[in-house]
């Protein structure tokens, strides 16, 4: 299980876990470092929060960021990746909050990919890249370090 490898700990298989609720949407706009500049990020992102993480056991919950692939934006496949990638079932069974930031298509990014070739600027492949900073701002907020309210 790739998620188990990334988290470096054994995970409970979701076989006996109740079907998870749908992920919640949130505005990504407050997390973008440059207001009004198109950095190929959708206005809406999604987050899946397991029931145990909503009911006070949040201190024991972990966070995973799931980036969709090219041509998997909500504009192209609706919420298929967010709802049917399998992350939510594993997250519910193991107390993992899943953040689903969303890229979008535009003229320089017709397939809705995350920037891996430089269309957002020269810092695209570093932690200074605008998409990376936006996602890190979301993570910081989820971990209680940010000032932006979803």
N, C-alpha and C. Protein backbone atom coordinates (compact mmCIF):
# COMPACT_ATOMS: atom_id res chain seq x y z
N UNK A 1 0.85 -1.18 0.00
CA UNK A 1 0.00 0.00 0.00
C UNK A 1 0.90 1.25 0.00
N UNK A 2 0.85 2.07 -1.05
CA UNK A 2 1.72 3.25 -1.10
C UNK A 2 1.53 4.20 0.09
N UNK A 3 0.29 4.37 0.54
CA UNK A 3 0.04 5.26 1.66
C UNK A 3 0.75 4.77 2.93
N UNK A 4 0.76 3.47 3.13
CA UNK A 4 1.45 2.88 4.28
C UNK A 4 2.95 3.15 4.19
N UNK A 5 3.51 3.05 2.99
CA UNK A 5 4.93 3.33 2.79
C UNK A 5 5.23 4.80 3.12
N UNK A 6 4.39 5.71 2.62
CA UNK A 6 4.62 7.13 2.86
C UNK A 6 4.51 7.50 4.32
N UNK A 7 3.57 6.88 5.03
CA UNK A 7 3.38 7.20 6.44
C UNK A 7 4.31 6.41 7.37
N UNK A 8 5.01 5.43 6.80
CA UNK A 8 6.00 4.63 7.54
C UNK A 8 5.41 3.98 8.79
N UNK A 9 4.17 3.52 8.66
CA UNK A 9 3.56 2.80 9.78
C UNK A 9 2.47 1.88 9.24
N UNK A 10 2.18 0.81 9.96
CA UNK A 10 1.13 -0.11 9.50
C UNK A 10 -0.23 0.58 9.51
N UNK A 11 -1.04 0.24 8.53
CA UNK A 11 -2.38 0.81 8.43
C UNK A 11 -3.43 -0.28 8.57
N UNK A 12 -4.59 0.09 9.10
CA UNK A 12 -5.72 -0.81 9.18
C UNK A 12 -6.41 -0.85 7.82
N UNK A 13 -6.67 -2.04 7.32
CA UNK A 13 -7.36 -2.18 6.04
C UNK A 13 -8.80 -1.70 6.21
N UNK A 14 -9.33 -0.98 5.23
CA UNK A 14 -10.66 -0.39 5.39
C UNK A 14 -11.84 -1.34 5.19
N UNK A 15 -11.62 -2.66 5.12
CA UNK A 15 -12.70 -3.61 4.85
C UNK A 15 -13.93 -3.44 5.73
N UNK A 16 -13.73 -3.26 7.03
CA UNK A 16 -14.85 -3.21 7.97
C UNK A 16 -15.20 -1.79 8.40
N UNK A 17 -14.72 -0.83 7.66
CA UNK A 17 -14.97 0.57 7.99
C UNK A 17 -16.24 1.03 7.29
N UNK A 18 -17.11 1.76 7.98
CA UNK A 18 -18.31 2.29 7.31
C UNK A 18 -17.92 3.17 6.13
N UNK A 19 -18.80 3.23 5.14
CA UNK A 19 -18.54 4.07 3.97
C UNK A 19 -18.32 5.51 4.41
N UNK A 20 -17.25 6.13 3.93
CA UNK A 20 -16.97 7.50 4.37
C UNK A 20 -17.94 8.51 3.77
N UNK A 21 -18.11 9.60 4.48
CA UNK A 21 -18.90 10.71 3.97
C UNK A 21 -18.13 11.38 2.84
N UNK A 22 -18.81 12.22 2.11
CA UNK A 22 -18.16 12.93 1.00
C UNK A 22 -17.19 13.96 1.55
N UNK A 23 -16.07 14.18 0.84
CA UNK A 23 -15.15 15.25 1.25
C UNK A 23 -15.87 16.60 1.20
N UNK A 24 -15.38 17.53 2.00
CA UNK A 24 -15.94 18.87 2.03
C UNK A 24 -15.14 19.77 1.11
N UNK A 25 -15.83 20.73 0.50
CA UNK A 25 -15.12 21.67 -0.35
C UNK A 25 -14.74 22.92 0.45
N UNK A 26 -13.73 23.63 -0.03
CA UNK A 26 -13.31 24.88 0.59
C UNK A 26 -12.74 25.78 -0.49
N UNK A 27 -12.66 27.06 -0.21
CA UNK A 27 -12.09 28.02 -1.15
C UNK A 27 -10.57 27.98 -1.06
N UNK A 28 -9.92 27.78 -2.20
CA UNK A 28 -8.46 27.82 -2.25
C UNK A 28 -7.95 29.24 -2.40
N UNK A 29 -8.81 30.17 -2.80
CA UNK A 29 -8.39 31.53 -3.10
C UNK A 29 -7.61 32.21 -1.97
N UNK A 30 -8.03 32.08 -0.69
CA UNK A 30 -7.27 32.75 0.37
C UNK A 30 -5.84 32.22 0.54
N UNK A 31 -5.55 31.06 -0.01
CA UNK A 31 -4.24 30.46 0.15
C UNK A 31 -3.28 30.81 -0.99
N UNK A 32 -3.81 31.40 -2.04
CA UNK A 32 -2.97 31.76 -3.18
C UNK A 32 -2.10 32.96 -2.83
N UNK A 33 -0.82 32.89 -3.14
CA UNK A 33 0.09 33.95 -2.74
C UNK A 33 -0.07 35.26 -3.51
N UNK A 34 -0.71 35.21 -4.68
CA UNK A 34 -0.86 36.41 -5.49
C UNK A 34 -2.31 36.54 -5.94
N UNK A 35 -3.07 37.39 -5.27
CA UNK A 35 -4.47 37.57 -5.62
C UNK A 35 -4.61 38.07 -7.05
N UNK A 36 -5.53 37.48 -7.78
CA UNK A 36 -5.82 37.91 -9.14
C UNK A 36 -4.90 37.36 -10.21
N UNK A 37 -3.86 36.60 -9.83
CA UNK A 37 -2.94 36.02 -10.80
C UNK A 37 -3.33 34.56 -11.02
N UNK A 38 -3.50 34.17 -12.28
CA UNK A 38 -3.90 32.79 -12.59
C UNK A 38 -2.69 31.87 -12.48
N UNK A 39 -2.66 31.07 -11.42
CA UNK A 39 -1.57 30.10 -11.21
C UNK A 39 -2.08 28.69 -11.48
N UNK A 40 -3.17 28.61 -12.24
CA UNK A 40 -3.76 27.33 -12.64
C UNK A 40 -4.22 26.50 -11.46
N UNK A 41 -4.81 27.19 -10.47
CA UNK A 41 -5.42 26.48 -9.34
C UNK A 41 -6.91 26.80 -9.31
N UNK A 42 -7.70 25.78 -9.15
CA UNK A 42 -9.15 25.90 -9.13
C UNK A 42 -9.58 26.74 -7.91
N UNK A 43 -10.68 27.46 -7.99
CA UNK A 43 -11.14 28.20 -6.81
C UNK A 43 -11.52 27.28 -5.64
N UNK A 44 -11.88 26.04 -5.94
CA UNK A 44 -12.33 25.11 -4.90
C UNK A 44 -11.37 23.94 -4.73
N UNK A 45 -11.05 23.62 -3.49
CA UNK A 45 -10.30 22.42 -3.13
C UNK A 45 -11.19 21.57 -2.25
N UNK A 46 -10.69 20.40 -1.84
CA UNK A 46 -11.50 19.48 -1.03
C UNK A 46 -10.65 18.94 0.12
N UNK A 47 -11.33 18.56 1.18
CA UNK A 47 -10.68 17.92 2.32
C UNK A 47 -11.60 16.83 2.86
N UNK A 48 -11.00 15.69 3.13
CA UNK A 48 -11.74 14.60 3.77
C UNK A 48 -11.28 14.52 5.21
N UNK A 49 -12.23 14.61 6.15
CA UNK A 49 -11.93 14.55 7.57
C UNK A 49 -12.67 13.34 8.15
N UNK A 50 -11.94 12.32 8.61
CA UNK A 50 -12.60 11.15 9.21
C UNK A 50 -13.41 11.53 10.44
N UNK A 51 -14.42 10.73 10.73
CA UNK A 51 -15.29 11.01 11.87
C UNK A 51 -14.50 11.16 13.16
N UNK A 52 -13.54 10.27 13.42
CA UNK A 52 -12.80 10.36 14.68
C UNK A 52 -11.98 11.65 14.77
N UNK A 53 -11.64 12.22 13.64
CA UNK A 53 -10.88 13.47 13.64
C UNK A 53 -11.80 14.68 13.87
N UNK A 54 -13.10 14.49 13.66
CA UNK A 54 -14.07 15.55 13.90
C UNK A 54 -14.53 15.58 15.34
N UNK A 55 -14.31 14.48 16.07
CA UNK A 55 -14.91 14.33 17.40
C UNK A 55 -13.90 14.42 18.54
N UNK A 56 -12.86 15.17 18.37
CA UNK A 56 -11.96 15.39 19.48
C UNK A 56 -10.70 14.55 19.50
N UNK A 57 -10.62 13.54 18.65
CA UNK A 57 -9.41 12.71 18.61
C UNK A 57 -8.42 13.26 17.59
N UNK A 58 -8.59 14.52 17.23
CA UNK A 58 -7.79 15.11 16.16
C UNK A 58 -6.29 15.07 16.45
N UNK A 59 -5.90 15.09 17.71
CA UNK A 59 -4.49 15.05 18.05
C UNK A 59 -3.80 13.80 17.56
N UNK A 60 -4.56 12.74 17.38
CA UNK A 60 -3.98 11.49 16.90
C UNK A 60 -4.14 11.31 15.39
N UNK A 61 -4.72 12.29 14.73
CA UNK A 61 -4.93 12.20 13.29
C UNK A 61 -3.72 12.74 12.53
N UNK A 62 -3.49 12.17 11.37
CA UNK A 62 -2.39 12.61 10.51
C UNK A 62 -2.97 13.30 9.28
N UNK A 63 -2.10 13.94 8.51
CA UNK A 63 -2.52 14.66 7.31
C UNK A 63 -1.78 14.11 6.10
N UNK A 64 -2.52 13.90 5.02
CA UNK A 64 -1.94 13.47 3.76
C UNK A 64 -2.44 14.41 2.66
N UNK A 65 -1.55 14.85 1.79
CA UNK A 65 -1.92 15.69 0.65
C UNK A 65 -1.96 14.81 -0.59
N UNK A 66 -3.10 14.77 -1.26
CA UNK A 66 -3.27 13.94 -2.46
C UNK A 66 -3.41 14.86 -3.68
N UNK A 67 -2.41 14.83 -4.54
CA UNK A 67 -2.43 15.64 -5.76
C UNK A 67 -2.93 14.78 -6.93
N UNK A 68 -3.93 15.29 -7.62
CA UNK A 68 -4.46 14.58 -8.79
C UNK A 68 -3.47 14.66 -9.94
N UNK A 69 -3.65 13.82 -10.92
CA UNK A 69 -2.80 13.83 -12.10
C UNK A 69 -3.34 14.77 -13.16
N UNK A 70 -2.60 14.88 -14.24
CA UNK A 70 -3.07 15.66 -15.39
C UNK A 70 -4.40 15.07 -15.88
N UNK A 71 -5.27 15.93 -16.33
CA UNK A 71 -6.60 15.56 -16.83
C UNK A 71 -7.48 14.91 -15.76
N UNK A 72 -7.19 15.20 -14.49
CA UNK A 72 -8.02 14.70 -13.39
C UNK A 72 -8.59 15.84 -12.55
N UNK A 73 -8.72 17.01 -13.12
CA UNK A 73 -9.28 18.15 -12.41
C UNK A 73 -10.79 17.98 -12.28
N UNK A 74 -11.39 18.69 -11.34
CA UNK A 74 -12.84 18.63 -11.20
C UNK A 74 -13.53 19.17 -12.45
N UNK A 75 -12.87 20.06 -13.17
CA UNK A 75 -13.44 20.56 -14.42
C UNK A 75 -13.52 19.51 -15.51
N UNK A 76 -12.68 18.48 -15.41
CA UNK A 76 -12.66 17.42 -16.42
C UNK A 76 -13.38 16.15 -15.98
N UNK A 77 -13.21 15.75 -14.71
CA UNK A 77 -13.80 14.48 -14.27
C UNK A 77 -14.69 14.66 -13.04
N UNK A 78 -15.14 15.88 -12.80
CA UNK A 78 -15.98 16.20 -11.65
C UNK A 78 -15.21 15.81 -10.38
N UNK A 79 -15.85 15.17 -9.41
CA UNK A 79 -15.19 14.82 -8.15
C UNK A 79 -14.75 13.36 -8.13
N UNK A 80 -14.50 12.76 -9.28
CA UNK A 80 -14.14 11.34 -9.33
C UNK A 80 -12.87 11.04 -8.54
N UNK A 81 -11.82 11.84 -8.71
CA UNK A 81 -10.58 11.60 -7.97
C UNK A 81 -10.79 11.79 -6.48
N UNK A 82 -11.47 12.84 -6.11
CA UNK A 82 -11.69 13.19 -4.71
C UNK A 82 -12.53 12.12 -4.00
N UNK A 83 -13.52 11.57 -4.68
CA UNK A 83 -14.43 10.64 -4.04
C UNK A 83 -14.10 9.16 -4.27
N UNK A 84 -13.38 8.85 -5.35
CA UNK A 84 -13.22 7.44 -5.71
C UNK A 84 -11.77 6.99 -5.90
N UNK A 85 -10.81 7.75 -5.41
CA UNK A 85 -9.40 7.34 -5.55
C UNK A 85 -9.01 6.28 -4.54
N UNK A 86 -9.84 6.08 -3.51
CA UNK A 86 -9.55 5.10 -2.48
C UNK A 86 -8.93 5.69 -1.22
N UNK A 87 -8.48 6.92 -1.29
CA UNK A 87 -7.87 7.55 -0.12
C UNK A 87 -8.84 7.68 1.05
N UNK A 88 -10.09 8.04 0.78
CA UNK A 88 -11.04 8.33 1.85
C UNK A 88 -11.32 7.10 2.71
N UNK A 89 -11.41 5.93 2.10
CA UNK A 89 -11.66 4.70 2.85
C UNK A 89 -10.49 4.39 3.79
N UNK A 90 -9.28 4.50 3.27
CA UNK A 90 -8.09 4.27 4.09
C UNK A 90 -7.98 5.34 5.17
N UNK A 91 -8.33 6.58 4.82
CA UNK A 91 -8.27 7.68 5.78
C UNK A 91 -9.25 7.47 6.93
N UNK A 92 -10.46 7.05 6.61
CA UNK A 92 -11.47 6.82 7.65
C UNK A 92 -11.02 5.71 8.60
N UNK A 93 -10.46 4.65 8.05
CA UNK A 93 -10.04 3.51 8.87
C UNK A 93 -8.81 3.82 9.73
N UNK A 94 -8.05 4.86 9.35
CA UNK A 94 -6.78 5.10 10.01
C UNK A 94 -6.60 6.50 10.60
N UNK A 95 -7.64 7.30 10.61
CA UNK A 95 -7.53 8.64 11.19
C UNK A 95 -6.58 9.54 10.44
N UNK A 96 -6.75 9.59 9.12
CA UNK A 96 -5.90 10.43 8.28
C UNK A 96 -6.77 11.46 7.57
N UNK A 97 -6.49 12.72 7.78
CA UNK A 97 -7.17 13.79 7.05
C UNK A 97 -6.51 13.87 5.68
N UNK A 98 -7.32 13.94 4.62
CA UNK A 98 -6.78 14.01 3.26
C UNK A 98 -7.13 15.36 2.65
N UNK A 99 -6.10 16.09 2.28
CA UNK A 99 -6.26 17.37 1.61
C UNK A 99 -6.13 17.15 0.11
N UNK A 100 -7.12 17.60 -0.65
CA UNK A 100 -7.14 17.45 -2.11
C UNK A 100 -7.09 18.83 -2.77
N UNK A 101 -5.92 19.46 -2.87
CA UNK A 101 -5.85 20.71 -3.61
C UNK A 101 -6.20 20.44 -5.07
N UNK A 102 -6.67 21.46 -5.77
CA UNK A 102 -7.11 21.26 -7.15
C UNK A 102 -6.45 22.25 -8.11
N UNK A 103 -5.82 21.68 -9.12
CA UNK A 103 -5.31 22.51 -10.23
C UNK A 103 -6.46 22.71 -11.21
N UNK A 104 -6.24 23.51 -12.23
CA UNK A 104 -7.26 23.69 -13.27
C UNK A 104 -6.57 23.93 -14.61
N UNK A 105 -7.35 23.75 -15.65
CA UNK A 105 -6.85 24.02 -16.99
C UNK A 105 -6.85 25.52 -17.26
N UNK A 106 -5.90 25.95 -18.07
CA UNK A 106 -5.92 27.30 -18.61
C UNK A 106 -5.13 27.27 -19.93
N UNK A 107 -4.87 28.40 -20.52
CA UNK A 107 -4.22 28.46 -21.83
C UNK A 107 -2.83 27.82 -21.82
N UNK A 108 -2.05 28.05 -20.77
CA UNK A 108 -0.70 27.50 -20.71
C UNK A 108 -0.65 26.12 -20.06
N UNK A 109 -1.79 25.66 -19.55
CA UNK A 109 -1.87 24.38 -18.87
C UNK A 109 -3.16 23.67 -19.31
N UNK A 110 -3.25 23.30 -20.57
CA UNK A 110 -4.51 22.79 -21.12
C UNK A 110 -4.97 21.45 -20.54
N UNK A 111 -4.09 20.71 -19.87
CA UNK A 111 -4.50 19.42 -19.30
C UNK A 111 -4.72 19.47 -17.79
N UNK A 112 -4.60 20.66 -17.21
CA UNK A 112 -4.86 20.82 -15.78
C UNK A 112 -3.86 20.11 -14.89
N UNK A 113 -2.59 20.12 -15.30
CA UNK A 113 -1.53 19.47 -14.52
C UNK A 113 -1.05 20.39 -13.40
N UNK A 114 -0.41 19.79 -12.41
CA UNK A 114 0.36 20.60 -11.48
C UNK A 114 1.63 21.03 -12.22
N UNK A 115 2.17 22.17 -11.86
CA UNK A 115 3.29 22.72 -12.63
C UNK A 115 4.57 21.94 -12.42
N UNK A 116 4.96 21.18 -13.43
CA UNK A 116 6.23 20.46 -13.41
C UNK A 116 7.12 20.86 -14.58
N UNK A 117 6.73 21.93 -15.29
CA UNK A 117 7.58 22.38 -16.40
C UNK A 117 7.78 23.89 -16.45
N UNK A 118 7.22 24.66 -15.52
CA UNK A 118 7.58 26.07 -15.40
C UNK A 118 6.57 27.10 -15.86
N UNK A 119 5.32 26.72 -16.06
CA UNK A 119 4.36 27.72 -16.54
C UNK A 119 3.99 28.74 -15.47
N UNK A 120 4.28 28.48 -14.20
CA UNK A 120 3.97 29.45 -13.15
C UNK A 120 5.17 30.32 -12.78
N UNK A 121 6.30 30.09 -13.41
CA UNK A 121 7.48 30.90 -13.13
C UNK A 121 8.71 30.06 -12.86
N UNK A 122 9.83 30.73 -12.68
CA UNK A 122 11.11 30.04 -12.54
C UNK A 122 11.23 29.23 -11.25
N UNK A 123 10.41 29.54 -10.26
CA UNK A 123 10.48 28.82 -8.98
C UNK A 123 9.57 27.60 -8.94
N UNK A 124 9.01 27.21 -10.07
CA UNK A 124 7.99 26.16 -10.12
C UNK A 124 8.41 24.86 -9.45
N UNK A 125 9.69 24.51 -9.45
CA UNK A 125 10.15 23.22 -8.92
C UNK A 125 10.77 23.34 -7.53
N UNK A 126 10.52 24.45 -6.86
CA UNK A 126 11.09 24.63 -5.52
C UNK A 126 9.98 24.98 -4.54
N UNK A 127 10.32 25.04 -3.28
CA UNK A 127 9.32 25.40 -2.29
C UNK A 127 8.89 26.86 -2.42
N UNK A 128 9.55 27.62 -3.28
CA UNK A 128 9.16 29.00 -3.54
C UNK A 128 8.11 29.12 -4.64
N UNK A 129 7.80 28.03 -5.33
CA UNK A 129 6.80 28.05 -6.39
C UNK A 129 5.44 28.44 -5.86
N UNK A 130 4.66 29.15 -6.68
CA UNK A 130 3.37 29.66 -6.20
C UNK A 130 2.39 28.54 -5.84
N UNK A 131 2.38 27.46 -6.60
CA UNK A 131 1.49 26.35 -6.25
C UNK A 131 1.95 25.67 -4.96
N UNK A 132 3.25 25.46 -4.82
CA UNK A 132 3.78 24.84 -3.61
C UNK A 132 3.49 25.69 -2.38
N UNK A 133 3.66 27.00 -2.52
CA UNK A 133 3.39 27.89 -1.38
C UNK A 133 1.92 27.86 -1.01
N UNK A 134 1.04 27.81 -2.02
CA UNK A 134 -0.40 27.75 -1.74
C UNK A 134 -0.74 26.46 -1.01
N UNK A 135 -0.21 25.33 -1.47
CA UNK A 135 -0.49 24.05 -0.82
C UNK A 135 0.10 24.04 0.58
N UNK A 136 1.29 24.55 0.75
CA UNK A 136 1.90 24.59 2.08
C UNK A 136 1.10 25.49 3.02
N UNK A 137 0.54 26.56 2.50
CA UNK A 137 -0.32 27.43 3.31
C UNK A 137 -1.57 26.66 3.76
N UNK A 138 -2.12 25.82 2.88
CA UNK A 138 -3.26 24.97 3.26
C UNK A 138 -2.86 23.99 4.36
N UNK A 139 -1.70 23.37 4.21
CA UNK A 139 -1.20 22.43 5.21
C UNK A 139 -1.00 23.14 6.54
N UNK A 140 -0.35 24.29 6.52
CA UNK A 140 -0.13 25.05 7.74
C UNK A 140 -1.45 25.38 8.42
N UNK A 141 -2.44 25.75 7.63
CA UNK A 141 -3.76 26.05 8.19
C UNK A 141 -4.36 24.80 8.84
N UNK A 142 -4.27 23.68 8.14
CA UNK A 142 -4.82 22.43 8.68
C UNK A 142 -4.13 22.04 9.99
N UNK A 143 -2.84 22.34 10.09
CA UNK A 143 -2.08 22.01 11.30
C UNK A 143 -2.16 23.10 12.36
N UNK A 144 -2.97 24.13 12.10
CA UNK A 144 -3.16 25.19 13.08
C UNK A 144 -2.09 26.24 13.09
N UNK A 145 -1.29 26.30 12.03
CA UNK A 145 -0.20 27.28 11.99
C UNK A 145 -0.55 28.52 11.17
N UNK A 146 -1.63 28.46 10.41
CA UNK A 146 -1.95 29.57 9.52
C UNK A 146 -2.99 30.51 10.10
N UNK A 147 -3.14 31.63 9.44
CA UNK A 147 -4.13 32.62 9.87
C UNK A 147 -5.37 32.61 8.97
N UNK A 148 -5.30 31.91 7.85
CA UNK A 148 -6.41 31.88 6.91
C UNK A 148 -7.46 30.92 7.42
N UNK A 149 -8.71 31.33 7.38
CA UNK A 149 -9.83 30.48 7.84
C UNK A 149 -10.54 29.92 6.61
N UNK A 150 -10.73 28.60 6.60
CA UNK A 150 -11.45 27.94 5.50
C UNK A 150 -12.91 28.09 5.74
